[in-house]
């Protein structure tokens, strides 16, 4: 997969959220949006990252950044995850991995000694004009949001 570069247009998307409603990148036109990809809802690393975004959501939104999480999970799994962890930002279902592929967030990875393909933990920040402001790939769940805030100058 080709990774996105700052200054290039972010690929458009429309995906169902946890309740089945359609959410598009175009819905965030004129705003900054953090689009983060994670492999599977309710797993330890993905829960750590989602809760970190949840706990930092007010400061991110206060600085003008919305947050959207995308995984290959079905909407029902996303709904259960959002309820269990009190997540208040949209979680989107990319079951065919087409959006992850378009964003360069799908590829080969290793887990517990096995190599396979799947969603790569990554974050793309899209600016108000729909261009990539920042793209980070293969990020660590722990401490990622703090590093992201620093990169974006969010206090």
C-alpha atoms as a PDB file:
ATOM      1  CA  UNK A   1       0.000   0.000   0.000  1.00  0.00           C
ATOM      2  CA  UNK A   2       1.101   3.522  -0.747  1.00  0.00           C
ATOM      3  CA  UNK A   3       1.238   5.705   2.320  1.00  0.00           C
ATOM      4  CA  UNK A   4      -0.298   9.161   2.128  1.00  0.00           C
ATOM      5  CA  UNK A   5       1.955  12.197   2.150  1.00  0.00           C
ATOM      6  CA  UNK A   6       1.291  15.626   3.665  1.00  0.00           C
ATOM      7  CA  UNK A   7      -0.174  18.081   1.180  1.00  0.00           C
ATOM      8  CA  UNK A   8      -1.923  15.454  -0.934  1.00  0.00           C
ATOM      9  CA  UNK A   9      -5.722  15.154  -1.077  1.00  0.00           C
ATOM     10  CA  UNK A  10      -7.175  12.734   1.466  1.00  0.00           C
ATOM     11  CA  UNK A  11      -9.227   9.963  -0.177  1.00  0.00           C
ATOM     12  CA  UNK A  12     -12.946  10.529   0.265  1.00  0.00           C
ATOM     13  CA  UNK A  13     -15.025   7.899   2.045  1.00  0.00           C
ATOM     14  CA  UNK A  14     -18.512   7.126   3.254  1.00  0.00           C
ATOM     15  CA  UNK A  15     -18.866   4.366   5.845  1.00  0.00           C
ATOM     16  CA  UNK A  16     -21.498   3.212   8.337  1.00  0.00           C
ATOM     17  CA  UNK A  17     -20.995   4.188  11.955  1.00  0.00           C
ATOM     18  CA  UNK A  18     -21.823   2.086  15.011  1.00  0.00           C
ATOM     19  CA  UNK A  19     -25.553   2.786  14.583  1.00  0.00           C
ATOM     20  CA  UNK A  20     -25.506   2.135  10.826  1.00  0.00           C
ATOM     21  CA  UNK A  21     -25.726   5.828   9.819  1.00  0.00           C
ATOM     22  CA  UNK A  22     -23.486   6.899   6.948  1.00  0.00           C
ATOM     23  CA  UNK A  23     -20.550   9.178   7.774  1.00  0.00           C
ATOM     24  CA  UNK A  24     -18.412  10.784   5.072  1.00  0.00           C
ATOM     25  CA  UNK A  25     -15.125  12.639   5.103  1.00  0.00           C
ATOM     26  CA  UNK A  26     -17.094  15.397   3.349  1.00  0.00           C
ATOM     27  CA  UNK A  27     -19.104  15.812   6.580  1.00  0.00           C
ATOM     28  CA  UNK A  28     -15.935  17.330   8.067  1.00  0.00           C
ATOM     29  CA  UNK A  29     -15.254  19.815   5.256  1.00  0.00           C
ATOM     30  CA  UNK A  30     -13.900  23.054   6.703  1.00  0.00           C
ATOM     31  CA  UNK A  31     -12.650  21.302   9.851  1.00  0.00           C
ATOM     32  CA  UNK A  32      -9.556  19.404  10.889  1.00  0.00           C
ATOM     33  CA  UNK A  33     -10.249  15.716  11.426  1.00  0.00           C
ATOM     34  CA  UNK A  34      -8.067  13.002  12.939  1.00  0.00           C
ATOM     35  CA  UNK A  35      -8.823   9.756  11.093  1.00  0.00           C
ATOM     36  CA  UNK A  36      -7.291   6.847  12.930  1.00  0.00           C
ATOM     37  CA  UNK A  37      -7.272   3.212  11.842  1.00  0.00           C
ATOM     38  CA  UNK A  38      -7.196   0.340  14.302  1.00  0.00           C
ATOM     39  CA  UNK A  39      -7.264  -3.437  13.751  1.00  0.00           C
ATOM     40  CA  UNK A  40     -10.048  -4.708  16.036  1.00  0.00           C
ATOM     41  CA  UNK A  41     -12.473  -3.244  18.548  1.00  0.00           C
ATOM     42  CA  UNK A  42     -12.267  -4.335  22.178  1.00  0.00           C
ATOM     43  CA  UNK A  43      -8.745  -5.742  21.946  1.00  0.00           C
ATOM     44  CA  UNK A  44      -6.152  -4.485  24.455  1.00  0.00           C
ATOM     45  CA  UNK A  45      -4.168  -2.140  22.175  1.00  0.00           C
ATOM     46  CA  UNK A  46      -7.231  -0.805  20.378  1.00  0.00           C
ATOM     47  CA  UNK A  47      -8.999  -0.185  23.676  1.00  0.00           C
ATOM     48  CA  UNK A  48      -5.956   1.666  25.032  1.00  0.00           C
ATOM     49  CA  UNK A  49      -5.836   3.877  21.951  1.00  0.00           C
ATOM     50  CA  UNK A  50      -9.599   4.524  21.801  1.00  0.00           C
ATOM     51  CA  UNK A  51      -9.750   5.415  25.486  1.00  0.00           C
ATOM     52  CA  UNK A  52      -6.756   7.706  25.029  1.00  0.00           C
ATOM     53  CA  UNK A  53      -8.607   9.533  22.241  1.00  0.00           C
ATOM     54  CA  UNK A  54     -11.719   9.638  24.456  1.00  0.00           C
ATOM     55  CA  UNK A  55      -9.769  11.110  27.370  1.00  0.00           C
ATOM     56  CA  UNK A  56      -8.177  13.752  25.114  1.00  0.00           C
ATOM     57  CA  UNK A  57     -11.248  14.509  23.006  1.00  0.00           C
ATOM     58  CA  UNK A  58     -12.123  17.797  24.731  1.00  0.00           C
ATOM     59  CA  UNK A  59      -8.658  19.272  24.219  1.00  0.00           C
ATOM     60  CA  UNK A  60      -8.497  18.027  20.619  1.00  0.00           C
ATOM     61  CA  UNK A  61     -11.944  19.412  19.808  1.00  0.00           C
ATOM     62  CA  UNK A  62     -11.114  22.631  21.649  1.00  0.00           C
ATOM     63  CA  UNK A  63      -8.141  23.036  19.311  1.00  0.00           C
ATOM     64  CA  UNK A  64     -10.397  22.378  16.294  1.00  0.00           C
ATOM     65  CA  UNK A  65      -9.770  18.668  15.700  1.00  0.00           C
ATOM     66  CA  UNK A  66     -12.577  16.139  15.345  1.00  0.00           C
ATOM     67  CA  UNK A  67     -11.781  12.425  15.758  1.00  0.00           C
ATOM     68  CA  UNK A  68     -13.022   9.451  13.745  1.00  0.00           C
ATOM     69  CA  UNK A  69     -11.929   5.827  14.295  1.00  0.00           C
ATOM     70  CA  UNK A  70     -12.059   3.261  11.474  1.00  0.00           C
ATOM     71  CA  UNK A  71     -11.754  -0.529  11.762  1.00  0.00           C
ATOM     72  CA  UNK A  72     -12.880  -3.602   9.825  1.00  0.00           C
ATOM     73  CA  UNK A  73     -15.415  -4.435  12.558  1.00  0.00           C
ATOM     74  CA  UNK A  74     -19.140  -4.713  11.855  1.00  0.00           C
ATOM     75  CA  UNK A  75     -21.302  -1.832  13.187  1.00  0.00           C
ATOM     76  CA  UNK A  76     -22.706  -4.049  15.957  1.00  0.00           C
ATOM     77  CA  UNK A  77     -19.217  -4.702  17.324  1.00  0.00           C
ATOM     78  CA  UNK A  78     -18.446  -0.991  17.146  1.00  0.00           C
ATOM     79  CA  UNK A  79     -21.644  -0.192  19.037  1.00  0.00           C
ATOM     80  CA  UNK A  80     -20.733  -2.626  21.826  1.00  0.00           C
ATOM     81  CA  UNK A  81     -17.182  -1.224  21.951  1.00  0.00           C
ATOM     82  CA  UNK A  82     -18.405   2.390  22.096  1.00  0.00           C
ATOM     83  CA  UNK A  83     -20.869   1.578  24.871  1.00  0.00           C
ATOM     84  CA  UNK A  84     -18.389  -0.476  26.910  1.00  0.00           C
ATOM     85  CA  UNK A  85     -15.721   2.240  26.772  1.00  0.00           C
ATOM     86  CA  UNK A  86     -17.976   5.346  26.750  1.00  0.00           C
ATOM     87  CA  UNK A  87     -16.595   6.464  23.391  1.00  0.00           C
ATOM     88  CA  UNK A  88     -18.299   9.609  22.130  1.00  0.00           C
ATOM     89  CA  UNK A  89     -16.629  10.051  18.743  1.00  0.00           C
ATOM     90  CA  UNK A  90     -17.686   8.170  15.586  1.00  0.00           C
ATOM     91  CA  UNK A  91     -16.406   4.656  15.000  1.00  0.00           C
ATOM     92  CA  UNK A  92     -16.757   3.612  11.370  1.00  0.00           C
ATOM     93  CA  UNK A  93     -17.012   0.154   9.823  1.00  0.00           C
ATOM     94  CA  UNK A  94     -14.665  -0.601   6.899  1.00  0.00           C
ATOM     95  CA  UNK A  95     -15.427  -4.328   6.543  1.00  0.00           C
ATOM     96  CA  UNK A  96     -13.932  -4.621   3.045  1.00  0.00           C
ATOM     97  CA  UNK A  97     -10.827  -2.605   4.051  1.00  0.00           C
ATOM     98  CA  UNK A  98     -11.230  -0.339   1.018  1.00  0.00           C
ATOM     99  CA  UNK A  99     -10.771   2.877   2.992  1.00  0.00           C
ATOM    100  CA  UNK A 100      -7.823   1.438   4.932  1.00  0.00           C
ATOM    101  CA  UNK A 101      -6.234   0.470   1.609  1.00  0.00           C
ATOM    102  CA  UNK A 102      -6.876   3.936   0.118  1.00  0.00           C
ATOM    103  CA  UNK A 103      -5.183   5.493   3.160  1.00  0.00           C
ATOM    104  CA  UNK A 104      -2.189   3.123   3.064  1.00  0.00           C
ATOM    105  CA  UNK A 105      -3.341   1.596   6.360  1.00  0.00           C
ATOM    106  CA  UNK A 106      -3.633  -2.005   5.243  1.00  0.00           C
ATOM    107  CA  UNK A 107      -0.797  -4.432   4.743  1.00  0.00           C
ATOM    108  CA  UNK A 108       1.428  -7.097   6.114  1.00  0.00           C
ATOM    109  CA  UNK A 109       2.042  -7.219   9.845  1.00  0.00           C
ATOM    110  CA  UNK A 110       3.239  -9.633  12.472  1.00  0.00           C
ATOM    111  CA  UNK A 111       1.477 -10.693  15.656  1.00  0.00           C
ATOM    112  CA  UNK A 112       2.669 -13.390  18.061  1.00  0.00           C
ATOM    113  CA  UNK A 113       5.162 -14.676  15.514  1.00  0.00           C
ATOM    114  CA  UNK A 114       2.655 -14.984  12.654  1.00  0.00           C
ATOM    115  CA  UNK A 115       2.635 -12.799   9.575  1.00  0.00           C
ATOM    116  CA  UNK A 116      -0.671 -11.812   7.985  1.00  0.00           C
ATOM    117  CA  UNK A 117      -2.371  -8.891   6.265  1.00  0.00           C
ATOM    118  CA  UNK A 118      -4.756  -6.551   7.993  1.00  0.00           C
ATOM    119  CA  UNK A 119      -5.444  -3.024   9.156  1.00  0.00           C
ATOM    120  CA  UNK A 120      -2.312  -1.228  10.304  1.00  0.00           C
ATOM    121  CA  UNK A 121      -2.574   1.065  13.314  1.00  0.00           C
ATOM    122  CA  UNK A 122      -2.162   4.487  11.756  1.00  0.00           C
ATOM    123  CA  UNK A 123      -3.410   8.061  11.928  1.00  0.00           C
ATOM    124  CA  UNK A 124      -4.028  10.625   9.219  1.00  0.00           C
ATOM    125  CA  UNK A 125      -4.901  14.217  10.046  1.00  0.00           C
ATOM    126  CA  UNK A 126      -6.957  15.893   7.319  1.00  0.00           C
ATOM    127  CA  UNK A 127      -7.006  19.685   7.135  1.00  0.00           C
ATOM    128  CA  UNK A 128     -10.097  21.855   6.499  1.00  0.00           C
ATOM    129  CA  UNK A 129      -9.398  21.806   2.738  1.00  0.00           C
ATOM    130  CA  UNK A 130      -9.405  17.984   2.630  1.00  0.00           C
ATOM    131  CA  UNK A 131      -5.649  17.584   2.330  1.00  0.00           C
ATOM    132  CA  UNK A 132      -3.374  15.398   4.434  1.00  0.00           C
ATOM    133  CA  UNK A 133      -1.720  17.468   7.152  1.00  0.00           C
ATOM    134  CA  UNK A 134       0.009  14.582   8.915  1.00  0.00           C
ATOM    135  CA  UNK A 135       0.238  10.833   8.301  1.00  0.00           C
ATOM    136  CA  UNK A 136       1.712   8.368  10.816  1.00  0.00           C
ATOM    137  CA  UNK A 137       1.892   4.629  10.170  1.00  0.00           C
ATOM    138  CA  UNK A 138       2.487   1.604  12.409  1.00  0.00           C
ATOM    139  CA  UNK A 139       2.060   3.692  15.538  1.00  0.00           C
ATOM    140  CA  UNK A 140       2.129   2.270  19.051  1.00  0.00           C
ATOM    141  CA  UNK A 141      -1.222   2.415  20.831  1.00  0.00           C
ATOM    142  CA  UNK A 142       0.291   3.494  24.133  1.00  0.00           C
ATOM    143  CA  UNK A 143       1.294   7.143  24.141  1.00  0.00           C
ATOM    144  CA  UNK A 144       0.196   7.744  20.551  1.00  0.00           C
ATOM    145  CA  UNK A 145      -2.360  10.452  21.349  1.00  0.00           C
ATOM    146  CA  UNK A 146       0.138  12.388  23.490  1.00  0.00           C
ATOM    147  CA  UNK A 147       2.664  12.292  20.633  1.00  0.00           C
ATOM    148  CA  UNK A 148      -0.048  13.318  18.176  1.00  0.00           C
ATOM    149  CA  UNK A 149      -1.116  16.248  20.351  1.00  0.00           C
ATOM    150  CA  UNK A 150       2.493  17.398  20.528  1.00  0.00           C
ATOM    151  CA  UNK A 151       2.881  17.154  16.734  1.00  0.00           C
ATOM    152  CA  UNK A 152      -0.318  19.172  16.258  1.00  0.00           C
ATOM    153  CA  UNK A 153       0.552  21.754  18.931  1.00  0.00           C
ATOM    154  CA  UNK A 154      -2.503  20.880  21.028  1.00  0.00           C
ATOM    155  CA  UNK A 155      -2.104  21.820  24.685  1.00  0.00           C
END
